[in-house]
N, C-alpha and C. Protein backbone atom coordinates (compact mmCIF):
# COMPACT_ATOMS: atom_id res chain seq x y z
N UNK A 1 0.84 -1.24 0.11
CA UNK A 1 0.00 0.04 0.10
C UNK A 1 0.90 1.20 0.23
N UNK A 2 0.54 2.33 -0.90
CA UNK A 2 1.45 3.48 -0.92
C UNK A 2 1.27 4.23 0.39
N UNK A 3 2.33 5.02 0.70
CA UNK A 3 2.37 5.72 1.88
C UNK A 3 2.15 7.19 1.46
N UNK A 4 1.88 8.13 2.45
CA UNK A 4 1.54 9.51 2.30
C UNK A 4 2.76 10.02 1.58
N UNK A 5 4.08 9.66 1.70
CA UNK A 5 5.17 10.20 1.06
C UNK A 5 5.32 9.94 -0.31
N UNK A 6 4.54 8.94 -0.81
CA UNK A 6 4.55 8.65 -2.19
C UNK A 6 3.75 9.40 -2.93
N UNK A 7 2.95 10.11 -2.39
CA UNK A 7 1.74 10.71 -3.10
C UNK A 7 2.39 12.14 -3.48
N UNK A 8 2.21 12.56 -4.79
CA UNK A 8 2.78 13.88 -5.11
C UNK A 8 1.71 14.75 -5.19
N UNK A 9 1.69 16.01 -5.09
CA UNK A 9 0.72 16.87 -5.19
C UNK A 9 0.08 16.87 -6.70
N UNK A 10 -1.23 16.78 -6.75
CA UNK A 10 -1.88 16.86 -8.19
C UNK A 10 -1.62 18.19 -8.89
N UNK A 11 -1.70 18.20 -10.37
CA UNK A 11 -1.56 19.14 -11.16
C UNK A 11 -2.69 20.24 -10.85
N UNK A 12 -2.30 21.42 -11.09
CA UNK A 12 -3.46 22.30 -10.88
C UNK A 12 -4.62 21.99 -11.92
N UNK A 13 -5.82 22.36 -11.49
CA UNK A 13 -6.91 21.83 -12.41
C UNK A 13 -6.90 22.50 -13.92
N UNK A 14 -7.23 21.57 -14.68
CA UNK A 14 -7.03 22.19 -16.20
C UNK A 14 -8.42 22.34 -16.64
N UNK A 15 -8.76 23.04 -17.74
CA UNK A 15 -9.96 23.34 -18.21
C UNK A 15 -10.99 21.94 -18.46
N UNK A 16 -9.98 20.87 -18.92
CA UNK A 16 -10.69 19.54 -19.17
C UNK A 16 -11.28 19.01 -17.70
N UNK A 17 -10.28 19.02 -16.69
CA UNK A 17 -11.05 18.73 -15.26
C UNK A 17 -12.01 19.60 -15.03
N UNK A 18 -11.82 21.10 -14.97
CA UNK A 18 -12.92 21.92 -14.40
C UNK A 18 -13.62 22.47 -15.46
N UNK A 19 -14.23 21.70 -16.26
CA UNK A 19 -15.04 22.06 -17.43
C UNK A 19 -16.53 22.36 -17.19
N UNK A 20 -17.33 21.94 -18.11
CA UNK A 20 -18.79 22.24 -17.96
C UNK A 20 -19.58 21.12 -17.35
N UNK A 21 -19.03 20.04 -16.87
CA UNK A 21 -19.68 18.93 -16.17
C UNK A 21 -19.59 18.76 -14.72
N UNK A 22 -20.66 18.55 -14.03
CA UNK A 22 -20.41 18.23 -12.74
C UNK A 22 -19.94 16.79 -12.49
N UNK A 23 -19.10 16.95 -11.44
CA UNK A 23 -18.30 15.72 -11.10
C UNK A 23 -19.27 14.96 -10.08
N UNK A 24 -19.85 13.87 -10.19
CA UNK A 24 -20.64 13.05 -9.38
C UNK A 24 -19.70 11.85 -8.70
N UNK A 25 -19.84 11.78 -7.29
CA UNK A 25 -19.19 10.79 -6.73
C UNK A 25 -20.11 9.82 -6.39
N UNK A 26 -20.06 8.43 -6.72
CA UNK A 26 -20.89 7.44 -6.58
C UNK A 26 -20.21 6.37 -5.75
N UNK A 27 -20.86 5.51 -4.89
CA UNK A 27 -20.25 4.42 -4.28
C UNK A 27 -21.13 4.19 -3.03
N UNK A 28 -20.73 3.20 -2.23
CA UNK A 28 -21.66 2.80 -1.20
C UNK A 28 -21.33 3.59 0.00
N UNK A 29 -22.14 3.62 0.92
CA UNK A 29 -22.04 4.44 2.32
C UNK A 29 -20.73 3.95 2.90
N UNK A 30 -19.82 4.95 3.44
CA UNK A 30 -18.58 4.80 3.94
C UNK A 30 -17.44 4.66 2.90
N UNK A 31 -17.69 5.12 1.81
CA UNK A 31 -16.74 4.91 0.83
C UNK A 31 -15.96 6.30 0.81
N UNK A 32 -16.58 7.49 1.31
CA UNK A 32 -15.64 8.54 1.66
C UNK A 32 -16.30 9.59 0.65
N UNK A 33 -17.56 9.53 0.09
CA UNK A 33 -17.94 10.46 -0.89
C UNK A 33 -18.09 11.90 -0.35
N UNK A 34 -18.37 12.19 0.77
CA UNK A 34 -18.64 13.52 1.34
C UNK A 34 -17.26 14.05 1.77
N UNK A 35 -16.37 13.18 2.42
CA UNK A 35 -15.08 13.74 2.82
C UNK A 35 -14.11 14.15 1.58
N UNK A 36 -14.14 13.25 0.49
CA UNK A 36 -13.47 13.42 -0.66
C UNK A 36 -14.30 14.36 -1.44
N UNK A 37 -15.38 14.56 -1.50
CA UNK A 37 -16.15 15.51 -2.39
C UNK A 37 -15.76 16.90 -1.78
N UNK A 38 -15.82 17.35 -0.57
CA UNK A 38 -15.48 18.63 -0.15
C UNK A 38 -14.00 18.93 -0.46
N UNK A 39 -13.12 18.14 -0.29
CA UNK A 39 -11.76 18.39 -0.87
C UNK A 39 -11.70 18.67 -2.17
N UNK A 40 -12.22 17.68 -2.98
CA UNK A 40 -12.27 17.90 -4.43
C UNK A 40 -12.88 19.18 -4.95
N UNK A 41 -13.86 19.50 -4.22
CA UNK A 41 -14.70 20.72 -4.63
C UNK A 41 -13.66 22.07 -4.51
N UNK A 42 -13.16 21.94 -3.29
CA UNK A 42 -12.12 23.07 -3.12
C UNK A 42 -11.02 23.03 -3.87
N UNK A 43 -10.49 21.85 -4.39
CA UNK A 43 -9.40 21.88 -5.44
C UNK A 43 -9.90 22.39 -6.84
N UNK A 44 -11.09 22.17 -7.11
CA UNK A 44 -11.59 22.52 -8.41
C UNK A 44 -12.29 23.77 -8.54
N UNK A 45 -12.46 24.61 -7.13
CA UNK A 45 -13.09 25.90 -7.16
C UNK A 45 -14.66 25.87 -7.45
N UNK A 46 -15.23 24.81 -7.00
CA UNK A 46 -16.51 24.63 -7.21
C UNK A 46 -17.19 24.34 -5.75
N UNK A 47 -18.62 24.42 -5.87
CA UNK A 47 -19.33 24.25 -4.58
C UNK A 47 -19.58 22.66 -4.44
N UNK A 48 -19.66 22.14 -3.26
CA UNK A 48 -19.73 20.83 -2.90
C UNK A 48 -21.27 20.64 -2.76
N UNK A 49 -21.82 19.72 -3.04
CA UNK A 49 -23.19 19.38 -2.81
C UNK A 49 -23.35 17.98 -2.56
N UNK A 50 -24.12 17.70 -1.33
CA UNK A 50 -24.62 16.32 -0.72
C UNK A 50 -25.87 16.22 -1.08
N UNK A 51 -26.13 15.15 -2.09
CA UNK A 51 -27.59 14.85 -2.49
C UNK A 51 -28.38 14.29 -1.25
N UNK A 52 -28.04 13.72 -0.25
CA UNK A 52 -28.80 13.28 0.75
C UNK A 52 -29.12 14.53 1.66
N UNK A 53 -28.22 15.50 1.79
CA UNK A 53 -28.59 16.67 2.39
C UNK A 53 -29.77 17.47 1.91
N UNK A 54 -29.78 17.40 0.49
CA UNK A 54 -30.78 18.05 -0.32
C UNK A 54 -32.21 17.35 -0.16
N UNK A 55 -32.11 16.00 -0.11
CA UNK A 55 -33.35 15.32 -0.23
C UNK A 55 -33.92 15.61 1.32
N UNK A 56 -33.01 15.57 2.38
CA UNK A 56 -33.52 15.97 3.67
C UNK A 56 -34.16 17.21 3.84
N UNK A 57 -33.52 18.15 3.12
CA UNK A 57 -34.09 19.60 3.10
C UNK A 57 -35.44 19.74 2.24
N UNK A 58 -35.54 18.91 1.16
CA UNK A 58 -36.66 18.97 0.62
C UNK A 58 -37.79 18.15 1.10
N UNK A 59 -37.60 17.06 1.86
CA UNK A 59 -38.73 16.21 2.45
C UNK A 59 -39.00 17.00 3.91
N UNK A 60 -38.06 17.58 4.58
CA UNK A 60 -38.20 18.16 5.91
C UNK A 60 -38.36 16.91 6.87
N UNK A 61 -37.56 15.79 6.44
CA UNK A 61 -37.41 14.64 7.37
C UNK A 61 -36.05 14.20 7.08
N UNK A 62 -35.60 13.51 8.15
CA UNK A 62 -34.28 12.85 8.06
C UNK A 62 -34.46 11.72 7.13
N UNK A 63 -33.40 11.12 6.50
CA UNK A 63 -33.57 9.94 5.68
C UNK A 63 -33.98 8.72 6.35
N UNK A 64 -33.60 8.58 7.57
CA UNK A 64 -34.23 7.49 8.48
C UNK A 64 -35.61 7.55 8.53
N UNK A 65 -36.08 8.80 8.78
CA UNK A 65 -37.56 9.05 8.88
C UNK A 65 -38.29 8.78 7.72
N UNK A 66 -37.78 9.07 6.51
CA UNK A 66 -38.45 8.98 5.27
C UNK A 66 -38.57 7.42 5.10
N UNK A 67 -37.52 6.73 5.37
CA UNK A 67 -37.52 5.27 5.20
C UNK A 67 -38.57 4.74 6.09
N UNK A 68 -38.89 5.18 7.45
CA UNK A 68 -39.55 4.74 8.37
C UNK A 68 -40.95 4.94 8.01
N UNK A 69 -41.47 6.33 7.85
CA UNK A 69 -42.86 6.76 7.51
C UNK A 69 -43.26 6.47 6.10
N UNK A 70 -42.27 6.65 4.97
CA UNK A 70 -42.90 6.37 3.62
C UNK A 70 -42.37 5.26 2.99
N UNK A 71 -41.17 4.64 3.48
CA UNK A 71 -40.65 3.45 2.88
C UNK A 71 -39.48 3.81 1.71
N UNK A 72 -38.86 2.80 1.44
CA UNK A 72 -37.53 3.11 0.48
C UNK A 72 -38.09 3.56 -0.89
N UNK A 73 -39.10 3.12 -1.22
CA UNK A 73 -39.64 3.39 -2.73
C UNK A 73 -40.02 4.88 -2.63
N UNK A 74 -40.60 5.49 -1.79
CA UNK A 74 -40.70 6.99 -1.78
C UNK A 74 -39.48 7.83 -1.64
N UNK A 75 -38.48 7.19 -0.93
CA UNK A 75 -37.09 7.89 -0.85
C UNK A 75 -36.60 7.84 -2.02
N UNK A 76 -36.46 6.70 -3.03
CA UNK A 76 -35.98 6.54 -4.09
C UNK A 76 -36.68 7.71 -5.18
N UNK A 77 -37.84 7.81 -5.20
CA UNK A 77 -38.70 8.68 -5.98
C UNK A 77 -38.08 10.09 -5.73
N UNK A 78 -38.04 10.55 -4.40
CA UNK A 78 -37.53 11.80 -3.99
C UNK A 78 -36.10 12.04 -4.32
N UNK A 79 -35.30 10.88 -4.31
CA UNK A 79 -33.84 10.94 -4.67
C UNK A 79 -33.63 11.28 -6.14
N UNK A 80 -34.49 10.65 -6.96
CA UNK A 80 -34.40 10.51 -8.24
C UNK A 80 -34.88 12.21 -8.80
N UNK A 81 -35.58 12.76 -8.18
CA UNK A 81 -36.18 14.14 -8.63
C UNK A 81 -35.16 15.18 -8.01
N UNK A 82 -34.39 15.04 -6.97
CA UNK A 82 -33.39 15.91 -6.41
C UNK A 82 -32.23 15.85 -7.29
N UNK A 83 -31.85 14.54 -7.57
CA UNK A 83 -30.68 14.46 -8.66
C UNK A 83 -30.92 15.06 -9.77
N UNK A 84 -31.98 14.82 -10.48
CA UNK A 84 -32.13 15.50 -11.90
C UNK A 84 -32.21 17.05 -11.39
N UNK A 85 -32.77 17.55 -10.48
CA UNK A 85 -32.52 19.06 -10.09
C UNK A 85 -31.15 19.56 -9.99
N UNK A 86 -30.46 18.85 -9.25
CA UNK A 86 -29.03 19.17 -9.11
C UNK A 86 -28.22 19.04 -10.26
N UNK A 87 -28.33 18.01 -11.15
CA UNK A 87 -27.65 17.87 -12.27
C UNK A 87 -27.93 19.00 -13.34
N UNK A 88 -28.99 19.63 -13.17
CA UNK A 88 -29.36 20.76 -14.13
C UNK A 88 -28.75 22.03 -13.62
N UNK A 89 -28.24 22.07 -12.25
CA UNK A 89 -27.65 23.28 -11.69
C UNK A 89 -26.02 23.68 -12.36
N UNK A 90 -25.53 24.65 -11.97
CA UNK A 90 -24.20 25.00 -12.44
C UNK A 90 -23.28 23.92 -11.97
N UNK A 91 -22.12 23.68 -12.75
CA UNK A 91 -21.33 22.46 -12.29
C UNK A 91 -20.71 22.70 -10.81
N UNK A 92 -20.75 21.43 -10.18
CA UNK A 92 -20.33 21.29 -8.87
C UNK A 92 -19.64 20.01 -8.70
N UNK A 93 -19.20 19.65 -7.41
CA UNK A 93 -18.88 18.27 -7.06
C UNK A 93 -20.04 17.77 -6.29
N UNK A 94 -20.63 16.72 -6.78
CA UNK A 94 -21.92 16.27 -6.05
C UNK A 94 -21.73 14.80 -5.40
N UNK A 95 -21.95 14.74 -4.34
CA UNK A 95 -21.94 13.40 -3.69
C UNK A 95 -23.30 12.75 -3.85
N UNK A 96 -23.45 11.48 -4.61
CA UNK A 96 -24.63 10.92 -4.63
C UNK A 96 -25.01 9.88 -3.49
N UNK A 97 -26.18 9.66 -3.21
CA UNK A 97 -26.48 8.68 -2.39
C UNK A 97 -25.98 7.33 -2.85
N UNK A 98 -25.95 6.25 -2.00
CA UNK A 98 -25.27 5.09 -2.44
C UNK A 98 -26.20 4.30 -3.40
N UNK A 99 -27.59 4.58 -3.38
CA UNK A 99 -28.54 3.92 -4.38
C UNK A 99 -28.74 4.89 -5.56
N UNK A 100 -28.33 6.03 -5.56
CA UNK A 100 -28.78 6.75 -6.74
C UNK A 100 -28.24 6.38 -7.97
N UNK A 101 -26.88 5.85 -7.97
CA UNK A 101 -26.67 5.39 -9.46
C UNK A 101 -27.18 4.01 -9.98
N UNK A 102 -27.90 3.46 -8.94
CA UNK A 102 -28.60 2.20 -9.37
C UNK A 102 -29.80 2.26 -10.10
N UNK A 103 -30.44 3.53 -9.90
CA UNK A 103 -31.63 3.95 -10.64
C UNK A 103 -31.33 4.08 -12.14
N UNK A 104 -32.02 3.52 -13.07
CA UNK A 104 -31.67 3.49 -14.50
C UNK A 104 -31.80 4.94 -15.18
N UNK A 105 -32.83 5.67 -14.54
CA UNK A 105 -33.14 6.96 -15.20
C UNK A 105 -32.03 7.86 -14.61
N UNK A 106 -31.81 7.88 -13.21
CA UNK A 106 -30.61 8.71 -12.78
C UNK A 106 -29.29 8.45 -13.29
N UNK A 107 -29.05 7.14 -13.42
CA UNK A 107 -27.59 6.77 -13.96
C UNK A 107 -27.65 7.36 -15.53
N UNK A 108 -28.53 7.32 -16.23
CA UNK A 108 -28.58 7.63 -17.61
C UNK A 108 -28.25 9.20 -17.69
N UNK A 109 -29.05 9.88 -16.77
CA UNK A 109 -28.82 11.34 -16.67
C UNK A 109 -27.53 11.80 -16.27
N UNK A 110 -26.79 11.00 -15.40
CA UNK A 110 -25.47 11.28 -14.99
C UNK A 110 -24.55 11.01 -16.01
N UNK A 111 -24.77 9.84 -16.80
CA UNK A 111 -24.02 9.60 -17.81
C UNK A 111 -23.94 10.60 -18.87
N UNK A 112 -25.13 11.35 -19.32
CA UNK A 112 -25.18 12.20 -20.17
C UNK A 112 -24.62 13.61 -19.84
N UNK A 113 -24.87 14.05 -18.55
CA UNK A 113 -24.50 15.48 -18.06
C UNK A 113 -23.40 15.54 -17.18
N UNK A 114 -22.80 14.42 -16.75
CA UNK A 114 -21.79 14.79 -15.78
C UNK A 114 -20.70 13.79 -15.96
N UNK A 115 -19.56 13.77 -15.23
CA UNK A 115 -18.44 12.85 -15.06
C UNK A 115 -18.61 12.22 -13.70
N UNK A 116 -18.76 10.80 -13.95
CA UNK A 116 -19.02 9.98 -12.56
C UNK A 116 -17.76 9.27 -12.14
N UNK A 117 -17.51 9.33 -10.81
CA UNK A 117 -16.28 8.90 -10.14
C UNK A 117 -16.69 7.92 -9.30
N UNK A 118 -16.50 6.54 -9.30
CA UNK A 118 -16.72 5.59 -8.34
C UNK A 118 -15.66 5.51 -7.44
N UNK A 119 -16.02 5.63 -6.10
CA UNK A 119 -14.92 5.49 -5.08
C UNK A 119 -15.31 4.14 -4.59
N UNK A 120 -14.27 3.28 -5.00
CA UNK A 120 -14.52 1.91 -4.71
C UNK A 120 -13.74 1.34 -3.42
N UNK A 121 -14.36 0.87 -2.29
CA UNK A 121 -13.81 0.39 -1.06
C UNK A 121 -14.11 -1.03 -0.89
N UNK A 122 -13.09 -1.72 -0.10
CA UNK A 122 -13.38 -3.09 0.10
C UNK A 122 -14.26 -3.12 1.41
N UNK A 123 -14.77 -4.39 1.67
CA UNK A 123 -15.69 -4.62 2.68
C UNK A 123 -15.25 -4.05 4.12
N UNK A 124 -13.89 -4.43 4.32
CA UNK A 124 -13.54 -4.00 5.75
C UNK A 124 -13.44 -2.41 5.94
N UNK A 125 -13.16 -1.80 4.89
CA UNK A 125 -13.16 -0.34 4.88
C UNK A 125 -14.54 0.20 5.35
N UNK A 126 -15.58 -0.53 4.52
CA UNK A 126 -16.95 -0.05 4.54
C UNK A 126 -17.45 -0.19 6.00
N UNK A 127 -17.14 -1.29 6.51
CA UNK A 127 -17.62 -1.79 7.89
C UNK A 127 -17.11 -1.00 9.00
N UNK A 128 -15.68 -0.57 8.80
CA UNK A 128 -14.94 0.13 9.78
C UNK A 128 -15.54 1.74 9.70
N UNK A 129 -16.06 2.16 8.67
CA UNK A 129 -16.55 3.35 8.52
C UNK A 129 -17.95 3.71 8.82
N UNK A 130 -18.67 2.72 8.95
CA UNK A 130 -20.17 2.77 9.03
C UNK A 130 -20.74 2.06 10.31
N UNK A 131 -19.89 1.34 11.06
CA UNK A 131 -20.29 0.77 12.23
C UNK A 131 -20.89 1.79 13.35
N UNK A 132 -22.06 1.40 13.76
CA UNK A 132 -22.46 2.18 14.90
C UNK A 132 -23.17 3.53 14.37
N UNK A 133 -23.36 3.59 13.19
CA UNK A 133 -23.98 4.79 12.69
C UNK A 133 -25.48 4.59 12.46
N UNK A 134 -26.35 5.06 13.27
CA UNK A 134 -27.76 4.76 13.16
C UNK A 134 -28.54 5.45 12.14
N UNK A 135 -27.84 6.41 11.50
CA UNK A 135 -28.59 7.09 10.44
C UNK A 135 -28.45 6.47 9.12
N UNK A 136 -27.90 5.27 8.97
CA UNK A 136 -28.03 4.61 7.86
C UNK A 136 -29.07 3.39 7.87
N UNK A 137 -30.22 3.82 7.15
CA UNK A 137 -31.31 2.78 7.40
C UNK A 137 -31.23 1.61 6.86
N UNK A 138 -30.30 1.32 5.65
CA UNK A 138 -30.15 -0.03 5.28
C UNK A 138 -29.39 -0.75 6.13
N UNK A 139 -28.73 -0.20 7.10
CA UNK A 139 -27.64 -1.05 8.01
C UNK A 139 -28.34 -1.17 9.38
N UNK A 140 -29.54 -0.68 9.62
CA UNK A 140 -30.23 -0.70 10.79
C UNK A 140 -30.83 -2.09 11.31
N UNK A 141 -30.84 -3.10 10.24
CA UNK A 141 -31.40 -4.28 10.50
C UNK A 141 -30.41 -5.52 10.35
N UNK A 142 -30.47 -6.35 11.05
CA UNK A 142 -29.52 -7.61 10.80
C UNK A 142 -28.16 -7.42 10.91
N UNK A 143 -27.20 -8.06 10.39
CA UNK A 143 -25.84 -7.91 10.54
C UNK A 143 -25.32 -6.97 9.37
N UNK A 144 -24.72 -5.82 9.74
CA UNK A 144 -24.31 -4.79 9.06
C UNK A 144 -23.27 -5.26 8.06
N UNK A 145 -22.38 -6.10 8.49
CA UNK A 145 -21.16 -6.57 7.61
C UNK A 145 -21.95 -7.35 6.32
N UNK A 146 -22.90 -8.29 6.69
CA UNK A 146 -23.49 -9.22 5.72
C UNK A 146 -24.36 -8.26 4.91
N UNK A 147 -24.90 -7.21 5.26
CA UNK A 147 -25.76 -6.41 4.59
C UNK A 147 -24.92 -5.49 3.50
N UNK A 148 -23.77 -5.06 3.89
CA UNK A 148 -22.79 -4.46 3.07
C UNK A 148 -22.39 -5.34 2.12
N UNK A 149 -21.88 -6.44 2.35
CA UNK A 149 -21.52 -7.50 1.41
C UNK A 149 -22.41 -7.72 0.40
N UNK A 150 -23.74 -7.83 0.62
CA UNK A 150 -24.75 -8.03 -0.20
C UNK A 150 -24.94 -6.71 -0.96
N UNK A 151 -24.90 -5.69 -0.52
CA UNK A 151 -24.99 -4.52 -1.43
C UNK A 151 -23.92 -4.25 -2.35
N UNK A 152 -22.60 -4.62 -1.91
CA UNK A 152 -21.37 -4.72 -2.79
C UNK A 152 -21.69 -5.87 -3.99
N UNK A 153 -22.19 -6.81 -3.70
CA UNK A 153 -22.49 -7.78 -4.71
C UNK A 153 -23.51 -7.26 -5.76
N UNK A 154 -24.46 -6.50 -5.17
CA UNK A 154 -25.61 -6.15 -6.04
C UNK A 154 -25.12 -4.77 -6.70
N UNK A 155 -24.48 -3.96 -6.15
CA UNK A 155 -24.27 -2.71 -6.77
C UNK A 155 -22.86 -2.49 -7.45
N UNK A 156 -21.86 -3.29 -7.15
CA UNK A 156 -20.49 -3.06 -7.71
C UNK A 156 -20.46 -3.18 -9.19
N UNK A 157 -21.20 -4.08 -9.71
CA UNK A 157 -21.22 -4.28 -11.24
C UNK A 157 -21.84 -3.16 -11.90
N UNK A 158 -22.74 -2.34 -11.22
CA UNK A 158 -23.40 -1.18 -11.91
C UNK A 158 -22.52 0.08 -11.58
N UNK A 159 -21.90 0.09 -10.39
CA UNK A 159 -20.89 1.18 -10.15
C UNK A 159 -19.90 1.15 -11.14
N UNK A 160 -19.49 0.04 -11.71
CA UNK A 160 -18.27 -0.06 -12.59
C UNK A 160 -18.66 0.49 -14.03
N UNK A 161 -19.95 0.97 -14.07
CA UNK A 161 -20.13 1.79 -15.44
C UNK A 161 -19.78 3.29 -15.33
N UNK A 162 -19.22 3.65 -13.92
CA UNK A 162 -18.75 4.93 -13.85
C UNK A 162 -17.72 5.31 -14.70
N UNK A 163 -17.54 6.77 -15.09
CA UNK A 163 -16.42 7.09 -16.00
C UNK A 163 -15.07 6.84 -15.45
N UNK A 164 -15.00 6.93 -14.17
CA UNK A 164 -13.78 6.97 -13.66
C UNK A 164 -13.82 6.14 -12.04
N UNK A 165 -12.80 4.99 -11.85
CA UNK A 165 -12.79 4.33 -10.94
C UNK A 165 -11.59 4.57 -9.91
N UNK A 166 -11.78 4.91 -8.66
CA UNK A 166 -10.73 5.18 -7.71
C UNK A 166 -10.67 4.15 -6.55
N UNK A 167 -9.91 3.47 -6.12
CA UNK A 167 -9.89 2.77 -5.06
C UNK A 167 -9.63 3.68 -3.98
N UNK A 168 -10.35 3.28 -2.73
CA UNK A 168 -10.11 4.19 -1.50
C UNK A 168 -10.20 3.06 -0.38
N UNK A 169 -9.62 3.20 0.66
CA UNK A 169 -9.36 2.25 1.74
C UNK A 169 -8.74 2.87 2.88
N UNK A 170 -7.73 2.41 3.28
CA UNK A 170 -6.88 3.13 4.45
C UNK A 170 -6.27 4.33 4.10
N UNK A 171 -6.14 4.74 2.74
CA UNK A 171 -5.78 6.18 2.40
C UNK A 171 -6.56 7.13 3.17
N UNK A 172 -5.87 8.38 3.44
CA UNK A 172 -6.54 9.45 3.96
C UNK A 172 -7.49 10.04 2.90
N UNK A 173 -8.30 10.85 3.17
CA UNK A 173 -9.27 11.70 2.12
C UNK A 173 -8.45 12.42 1.37
N UNK A 174 -7.56 13.06 1.98
CA UNK A 174 -6.53 13.91 1.07
C UNK A 174 -5.80 13.08 0.01
N UNK A 175 -5.42 11.74 0.19
CA UNK A 175 -4.69 10.91 -0.58
C UNK A 175 -5.83 10.52 -1.86
N UNK A 176 -6.92 10.04 -1.38
CA UNK A 176 -7.89 9.78 -2.25
C UNK A 176 -8.31 10.94 -3.12
N UNK A 177 -8.28 12.11 -2.60
CA UNK A 177 -8.81 13.31 -3.44
C UNK A 177 -7.77 13.51 -4.56
N UNK A 178 -6.50 13.40 -4.10
CA UNK A 178 -5.41 13.33 -5.19
C UNK A 178 -5.43 12.36 -6.23
N UNK A 179 -5.76 11.10 -5.80
CA UNK A 179 -5.92 10.04 -6.78
C UNK A 179 -7.14 10.44 -7.79
N UNK A 180 -8.23 10.90 -7.26
CA UNK A 180 -9.33 11.41 -8.06
C UNK A 180 -8.99 12.47 -9.03
N UNK A 181 -8.07 13.31 -8.51
CA UNK A 181 -7.71 14.50 -9.45
C UNK A 181 -6.90 13.87 -10.67
N UNK A 182 -5.87 13.00 -10.18
CA UNK A 182 -5.05 12.51 -11.11
C UNK A 182 -5.93 11.42 -12.31
N UNK A 183 -6.95 10.76 -11.76
CA UNK A 183 -7.76 10.11 -12.63
C UNK A 183 -8.40 10.92 -13.68
N UNK A 184 -8.98 11.97 -13.15
CA UNK A 184 -9.69 13.05 -13.94
C UNK A 184 -8.86 13.70 -15.04
N UNK A 185 -7.64 13.96 -14.69
CA UNK A 185 -6.75 14.60 -15.48
C UNK A 185 -6.33 13.60 -16.60
N UNK A 186 -6.45 12.26 -16.28
CA UNK A 186 -5.88 11.33 -17.43
C UNK A 186 -6.83 10.85 -18.16
N UNK A 187 -8.15 11.45 -18.04
CA UNK A 187 -9.16 10.94 -18.85
C UNK A 187 -9.10 11.66 -20.32
N UNK A 188 -9.39 10.94 -21.40
CA UNK A 188 -9.47 11.39 -22.62
C UNK A 188 -10.38 12.53 -22.75
N UNK A 189 -10.03 13.58 -23.44
CA UNK A 189 -10.85 14.88 -23.66
C UNK A 189 -12.25 14.31 -24.30
N UNK A 190 -13.15 15.08 -23.78
CA UNK A 190 -14.72 14.66 -24.26
C UNK A 190 -14.95 15.47 -25.33
N UNK A 191 -15.08 15.15 -26.59
CA UNK A 191 -15.25 15.77 -27.89
C UNK A 191 -16.51 16.71 -27.70
N UNK A 192 -17.68 16.31 -27.15
CA UNK A 192 -18.70 17.09 -27.15
C UNK A 192 -18.58 18.28 -26.33
N UNK A 193 -17.77 18.06 -25.15
CA UNK A 193 -17.67 19.15 -24.24
C UNK A 193 -16.63 20.15 -24.76
N UNK A 194 -15.61 19.55 -25.70
CA UNK A 194 -14.81 20.64 -26.21
C UNK A 194 -15.42 21.33 -27.30
N UNK A 195 -16.45 20.90 -27.91
CA UNK A 195 -17.07 21.62 -29.04
C UNK A 195 -17.83 22.61 -28.15
N UNK A 196 -18.39 22.44 -26.99
CA UNK A 196 -19.26 23.50 -26.31
C UNK A 196 -18.49 24.49 -25.70
N UNK A 197 -17.07 24.34 -25.66
CA UNK A 197 -15.99 25.33 -25.02
C UNK A 197 -15.72 26.35 -25.97
N UNK A 198 -15.95 27.58 -25.51
CA UNK A 198 -15.68 28.78 -26.54
C UNK A 198 -14.23 28.82 -26.61
């Protein structure tokens, strides 16, 4: 595993990184989307938006309360609408909820309008980062480790459709942010985006 000394400072953001598309971070709960997202937004000079926070604001209820009162289906419907609204906003760094990229409609919208980055974490990392956190409705029943393993089996093949994949684990949020910046810089230029750039 690389140490902090092996990580070099990423290059200053270029137009291709900091272009006309929102960067959407996807991945399971505990992957580090919020921690990395805030740092990435600062490096790119963009606002950071947490989709779950926007859902809570729109519903006037916590995510756990939405699940309890209305069920997961209602939450996913709200999530779909909020994500569509956020993707129409000016470019940002957007942390998507763990299930957002699983929705066919939302995923297609992200693929058309944004650059998606999957923060891929192993099971031990996810367990260590989510244990004891009662605001995670999907982990509040049964064995959290078994539930996370089941979610990995279900979701990782879909998350693999993201434009960029960055492994996260014992590395710090700063190190992961550097890795995301390097991966974004290494992406081939988007011809459609270049045509839109004056």
